[in-house]
Every structure is written in C-alpha cells, then in structure tokens.
C-alpha cells in the first residue's frame, strides 16, 4: 500500500488512514478501489457533519447510500451504520454517492465520487501499469477536491422520522411498515403492487 494521505483534510478521523482502510478491508474481504473510495467518503462525510471516525455506536449517524458496491461496505465498517439498526438506508440509484446525517445536530452532506477521478488516477500513481492498482494507490493520495464532490443537503421530511405504523396493502394483503406504502386511486398499496416491484409471480409449472 502506498503512503496514505495525512488526513489534514479530516481532523476528526481518530486513526491513521491506513488503519481505517485495513478495518474496511477486514469487513469486506479484499482490497479494491471501492474500499479506498468508501473510506475517503466516510472520512469526508463524517467530518463535514461533525462526527469522528471510527464510529461504532448508537444512532447518531444515518447514512443514505446510493449504490450497492464495495464503497458501501467500507462506509458501514467504519461508521457502524446498518440496515437492521435503520441507520443505513440503501437507495438503488446506481450512483457512487452517500449522504451523511448527524441526527442530533441536523447537519447533512452528500458526498459523491467525481466522474473524472478514474481518468485522473494514473497521474497520481506514476509507473503503475495496472489500472486497478493505479486507482487503489491514487484514491489514497488524490486531493479531496479532485476525488469527491461535497454538497450540503437537507433530507426530505419522513426519511429520518418514520413512525412505527403498520398498514395492510389493499391489493395483496401484506403488512407494510414505517410509512412505506403508496396511495393510488384512493387505495393503500405496497410498492410492488403499486408498480415498483422487483419480482413477479412465476407461471404455474415453470421453474
């Protein structure tokens, strides 16, 4: 691993960058560009909302991730957010981005990978012929402004404060929790019945 950034841009990080990467890799299973990128995103996002890393407790931080890729594992490993705690929210937008929310203070920031970072990677890893290895090296040392876009945001009402209410879908009869229902034609529907389903019924006799 190449020398890591000194984290001058991230004074709230409690441990050296290399150690944060190692912790993320231990959780994920292997080192890859997405792991390094996810660590940088976590360090930046938590710094911007005033939460030190690594964080492994409570529900003071909520993170909305917009892609199900390696960077998400790194964010989860360092922050302790999880789907089961309802502190990790996955929105399948296909974007390398995450929004970090300090629940107590209300600050929120969306951190996204710049589209040109991959193109710039070889210039930060001179002599490295392998593109993947060049990204691993470059994402550690690349200036934050070249790697990430940072946007202060306000999370829309309801996404953080969902009442624990259960209703029944008027189409399939299944229960819907935490205000995730839709209303269409005056009927309460779950998202699959409302046209947002990822599955369909298998025809009889077909495997």
Protein backbone atom coordinates (compact mmCIF):
# COMPACT_ATOMS: atom_id res chain seq x y z
CA UNK A 1 0.00 0.00 0.00
CA UNK A 2 1.35 3.41 -0.90
CA UNK A 3 1.82 6.15 1.71
CA UNK A 4 -1.60 7.40 2.68
CA UNK A 5 -2.86 10.92 2.99
CA UNK A 6 -2.00 12.66 6.22
CA UNK A 7 -5.69 13.40 6.84
CA UNK A 8 -5.06 17.10 7.18
CA UNK A 9 -8.41 17.40 5.43
CA UNK A 10 -10.04 15.15 8.03
CA UNK A 11 -9.06 16.14 11.56
CA UNK A 12 -11.96 14.21 13.08
CA UNK A 13 -10.52 10.87 11.99
CA UNK A 14 -9.18 9.19 15.13
CA UNK A 15 -6.73 6.77 13.49
CA UNK A 16 -4.28 6.79 10.56
CA UNK A 17 -5.82 6.35 7.14
CA UNK A 18 -4.04 3.04 6.57
CA UNK A 19 -5.69 1.60 9.66
CA UNK A 20 -9.11 2.73 8.51
CA UNK A 21 -8.52 1.01 5.17
CA UNK A 22 -7.42 -2.16 6.93
CA UNK A 23 -10.58 -2.16 9.04
CA UNK A 24 -12.74 -1.73 5.95
CA UNK A 25 -10.89 -4.49 4.10
CA UNK A 26 -11.28 -6.86 7.06
CA UNK A 27 -15.04 -6.33 6.86
CA UNK A 28 -15.29 -6.50 3.07
CA UNK A 29 -12.81 -9.30 2.39
CA UNK A 30 -10.37 -7.76 -0.08
CA UNK A 31 -8.69 -4.50 -1.05
CA UNK A 32 -10.10 -2.75 -4.09
CA UNK A 33 -10.53 0.80 -5.39
CA UNK A 34 -14.05 0.92 -3.97
CA UNK A 35 -12.77 0.21 -0.47
CA UNK A 36 -10.35 3.12 -0.58
CA UNK A 37 -13.00 5.34 -2.10
CA UNK A 38 -15.52 4.33 0.56
CA UNK A 39 -13.06 5.15 3.34
CA UNK A 40 -12.41 8.57 1.82
CA UNK A 41 -16.16 9.16 1.53
CA UNK A 42 -16.75 8.11 5.15
CA UNK A 43 -13.93 10.29 6.47
CA UNK A 44 -15.15 13.29 4.49
CA UNK A 45 -18.84 12.84 5.21
CA UNK A 46 -18.40 12.33 8.94
CA UNK A 47 -16.00 15.25 9.17
CA UNK A 48 -18.49 17.54 7.43
CA UNK A 49 -21.29 16.69 9.87
CA UNK A 50 -19.04 16.77 12.93
CA UNK A 51 -18.84 13.08 13.78
CA UNK A 52 -15.42 11.46 14.47
CA UNK A 53 -14.28 8.19 12.91
CA UNK A 54 -14.26 5.33 13.51
CA UNK A 55 -17.75 5.36 14.96
CA UNK A 56 -19.24 2.14 16.28
CA UNK A 57 -22.18 3.09 18.44
CA UNK A 58 -25.67 4.50 18.64
CA UNK A 59 -27.99 6.03 16.11
CA UNK A 60 -26.42 9.48 15.98
CA UNK A 61 -25.42 8.96 12.35
CA UNK A 62 -27.63 7.93 9.45
CA UNK A 63 -26.14 7.26 6.03
CA UNK A 64 -28.05 7.06 2.76
CA UNK A 65 -26.05 5.09 0.19
CA UNK A 66 -26.97 5.24 -3.48
CA UNK A 67 -25.24 2.11 -4.75
CA UNK A 68 -24.71 -1.48 -3.61
CA UNK A 69 -20.98 -1.68 -4.27
CA UNK A 70 -17.73 -2.08 -2.34
CA UNK A 71 -17.65 1.50 -1.06
CA UNK A 72 -20.85 0.87 0.88
CA UNK A 73 -19.17 -1.90 2.86
CA UNK A 74 -16.32 0.46 3.77
CA UNK A 75 -18.78 3.09 4.97
CA UNK A 76 -20.65 0.53 7.05
CA UNK A 77 -17.44 -0.91 8.54
CA UNK A 78 -16.16 2.44 9.75
CA UNK A 79 -19.39 4.06 10.90
CA UNK A 80 -21.28 1.11 12.34
CA UNK A 81 -24.46 2.01 10.48
CA UNK A 82 -26.57 -0.95 9.38
CA UNK A 83 -29.84 -1.84 7.74
CA UNK A 84 -31.01 -3.63 10.88
CA UNK A 85 -30.48 -0.53 13.01
CA UNK A 86 -32.25 1.53 10.35
CA UNK A 87 -29.21 3.81 10.26
CA UNK A 88 -28.09 2.63 6.82
CA UNK A 89 -30.53 3.45 4.02
CA UNK A 90 -29.95 1.91 0.59
CA UNK A 91 -31.46 3.76 -2.36
CA UNK A 92 -30.74 1.95 -5.62
CA UNK A 93 -29.79 4.98 -7.73
CA UNK A 94 -26.65 3.43 -9.23
CA UNK A 95 -24.55 6.42 -8.14
CA UNK A 96 -21.30 6.32 -6.18
CA UNK A 97 -22.63 8.68 -3.54
CA UNK A 98 -23.69 8.73 0.09
CA UNK A 99 -25.41 11.27 2.32
CA UNK A 100 -24.25 11.51 5.94
CA UNK A 101 -26.69 12.88 8.51
CA UNK A 102 -25.89 13.96 12.06
CA UNK A 103 -29.23 13.15 13.63
CA UNK A 104 -28.74 15.26 16.74
CA UNK A 105 -27.34 18.33 15.04
CA UNK A 106 -29.33 18.03 11.83
CA UNK A 107 -26.36 18.61 9.53
CA UNK A 108 -26.39 16.57 6.32
CA UNK A 109 -23.92 16.36 3.45
CA UNK A 110 -23.95 14.36 0.22
CA UNK A 111 -20.53 13.05 -0.83
CA UNK A 112 -20.13 11.68 -4.35
CA UNK A 113 -17.22 10.40 -6.39
CA UNK A 114 -16.22 12.71 -9.19
CA UNK A 115 -16.71 11.17 -12.62
CA UNK A 116 -13.23 12.19 -13.77
CA UNK A 117 -11.39 10.71 -10.76
CA UNK A 118 -10.78 7.40 -12.54
CA UNK A 119 -9.31 9.21 -15.53
CA UNK A 120 -7.01 11.20 -13.25
CA UNK A 121 -5.83 8.15 -11.31
CA UNK A 122 -2.76 7.32 -13.46
CA UNK A 123 -1.26 10.76 -12.81
CA UNK A 124 -1.31 10.03 -9.06
CA UNK A 125 0.22 6.55 -9.47
CA UNK A 126 3.12 7.05 -11.89
CA UNK A 127 4.70 3.86 -13.13
CA UNK A 128 1.75 1.63 -12.21
CA UNK A 129 0.64 -0.17 -15.37
CA UNK A 130 -2.34 -1.98 -13.85
CA UNK A 131 -5.39 0.30 -13.90
CA UNK A 132 -6.94 -1.26 -10.80
CA UNK A 133 -3.78 -0.88 -8.75
CA UNK A 134 -3.37 2.66 -10.01
CA UNK A 135 -6.83 3.51 -8.69
CA UNK A 136 -6.09 1.91 -5.31
CA UNK A 137 -2.95 3.99 -4.98
CA UNK A 138 -4.36 7.19 -6.43
CA UNK A 139 -7.53 7.29 -4.35
CA UNK A 140 -5.39 7.31 -1.21
CA UNK A 141 -3.38 10.38 -2.15
CA UNK A 142 -5.63 12.29 -4.53
CA UNK A 143 -6.70 15.69 -3.16
CA UNK A 144 -10.21 15.61 -1.82
CA UNK A 145 -11.44 18.19 -4.34
CA UNK A 146 -10.20 16.02 -7.21
CA UNK A 147 -11.77 12.83 -5.87
CA UNK A 148 -15.04 13.89 -4.25
CA UNK A 149 -17.88 16.37 -4.61
CA UNK A 150 -19.34 17.66 -1.34
CA UNK A 151 -22.84 19.13 -1.20
CA UNK A 152 -24.64 20.26 1.96
CA UNK A 153 -28.22 19.00 1.72
CA UNK A 154 -31.49 18.83 3.64
CA UNK A 155 -33.05 15.37 3.88
CA UNK A 156 -36.69 15.47 2.87
CA UNK A 157 -39.32 15.06 5.61
CA UNK A 158 -40.20 11.50 6.52
CA UNK A 159 -36.94 9.83 5.53
CA UNK A 160 -35.47 10.10 9.01
CA UNK A 161 -38.54 10.18 11.23
CA UNK A 162 -40.70 7.27 10.17
CA UNK A 163 -43.37 6.36 12.70
CA UNK A 164 -43.61 2.68 13.55
CA UNK A 165 -47.00 2.19 11.94
CA UNK A 166 -48.20 -0.94 10.16
CA UNK A 167 -50.89 -0.91 7.49
CA UNK A 168 -52.15 -3.56 5.09
CA UNK A 169 -51.86 -3.42 1.33
CA UNK A 170 -55.36 -3.42 -0.15
CA UNK A 171 -54.17 -5.47 -3.13
CA UNK A 172 -52.07 -8.33 -1.71
CA UNK A 173 -52.96 -8.04 1.96
CA UNK A 174 -49.35 -7.99 3.19
CA UNK A 175 -48.31 -5.67 6.00
CA UNK A 176 -46.33 -2.52 5.28
CA UNK A 177 -44.17 -0.93 7.97
CA UNK A 178 -42.68 2.52 8.57
CA UNK A 179 -44.86 4.51 6.18
CA UNK A 180 -43.51 2.86 3.04
CA UNK A 181 -46.96 2.47 1.50
CA UNK A 182 -48.26 4.20 -1.62
CA UNK A 183 -51.69 5.67 -2.23
CA UNK A 184 -53.13 5.17 -5.70
CA UNK A 185 -56.74 5.62 -6.72
CA UNK A 186 -57.67 6.08 -3.10
CA UNK A 187 -56.21 2.68 -2.17
CA UNK A 188 -53.28 1.88 0.13
CA UNK A 189 -50.76 -0.24 -1.77
CA UNK A 190 -47.37 -1.73 -1.10
CA UNK A 191 -44.68 -0.68 -3.55
CA UNK A 192 -44.70 -3.93 -5.56
CA UNK A 193 -48.46 -3.69 -6.05
CA UNK A 194 -48.03 -0.02 -6.90
CA UNK A 195 -45.74 -0.86 -9.81
CA UNK A 196 -42.35 -0.67 -8.11
CA UNK A 197 -41.79 -4.39 -7.64
CA UNK A 198 -38.54 -6.23 -8.38
CA UNK A 199 -40.29 -9.61 -8.74
CA UNK A 200 -43.30 -11.12 -10.46
CA UNK A 201 -45.25 -14.30 -9.84
CA UNK A 202 -43.83 -17.42 -11.50
CA UNK A 203 -46.21 -19.00 -14.01
CA UNK A 204 -47.56 -22.41 -12.93
CA UNK A 205 -45.37 -25.32 -13.99
CA UNK A 206 -42.35 -23.13 -14.69
CA UNK A 207 -39.19 -23.37 -12.59
